[in-house]
Amino acid sequence: MFSALRSLGRGSSVQRRQVWGLIFVLPTVIFFIIFFLYPIVSGLLFSLTDFTLLRPPVWVGLQNYQDLLKDRLFLKSLSVTMGYVVGTTVPVWVLSLLAALLFYQRFPGREFTKTLFFTPVLPSLIVVAIVWRILMQPNGLLTQLTRPFTGLGEVNWLSRPDLSPISMIIINNWTTIPFYMLIWLAGLTGIPSELRDAALVDGANRVQSFLRVELPLLRPTAVFVAAISSINAFQAFTLQWAISPGRGGPIDVNTTMGLLIWKYGFQFYRMGDAAAVSVVLFAMILVVTVFQLGLSRGEQYSLE
């Protein structure tokens, strides 16, 4: 680096640009190495050790991964995570797209209504969790609103094993649908209006125009929405930590893999197992994301 700087004054213009480009990029590279690459590598190494924070790590190889296959709590968290991912991705894709189609149309008060619809995205997720925890008290506002339709008394929305996971999914979808609606809306805005007009002139109705013209052009937007929502769903932690009884209860029906990492690391002091779960979670997210991108690329090539 120093020799390159010394030769900077007498080098060619191309060499000078290369050196200065390296100088300006170097802080970002250092930041990436310290805060991204180093934690990933260290987490992978810790997953191969018996590390409890009370004694130095002891190398055990793949033993932690073998133990996870027989760990009831890990297998439970795996099924909970997959159910949560399905419940917070597919409905979100459909409902956010329908909301975008609605707000793409012109009607009186559209901008004001769109602003109100987007308000759940503005607070942080922990604030949303606390508010919903108050609403879902056994005799809270949600129970009062649903009582005329259900005829039930107090409802333990968060303490019942059958209702608590559904409640988590509803809260998450309530906060994320408006965000993805804006992404779909940006994709719809980028479609030339001439294509829609041409389809209507050819005799297609609104539904046929959307299915045959707009939806194929929304494929890049769909891939982005699917990838981001899937990654966020796999990393679910805040809602389960903030409002589920016992940090993942009742009976671990809300213990996602993200919450299990926290439990292993900071409740049980099993840092090696926590690192192993994080590596498994990272691998799952990577596989799903690569599959989504590969599927979209294959469809694009087939269309061409």
Foldseek 3Di string as FASTA:
>chain_A
DVVLVVCLVVDDPVSVVVVVVCVVCVVVVVVCCVPPVVVLVVLVQLLQWFFQVPDDTHGNGCVLVVVLVVDPLNVLQVVLLVVLLVLQAVVLLVLLLVVLVVLLDDDPPSVVVLVVLQVLQPDDVLVLLVVVLQQQFQQHVVCVVCCVVPVDHGDNQQADLVRNSVVVSVSSSSNCSSVLSVLSNVLQVPFDVVQLVVCVVVPDDPVCSCVPPRVVSCLVSSLVSNLVSSLCSLLDQSNQQNRHPPSQDDVNSRCHLNSVLCCCCPVVSRSNSSSSSVVVSVVVSVVVSVVSVVVSVVVVVVVD
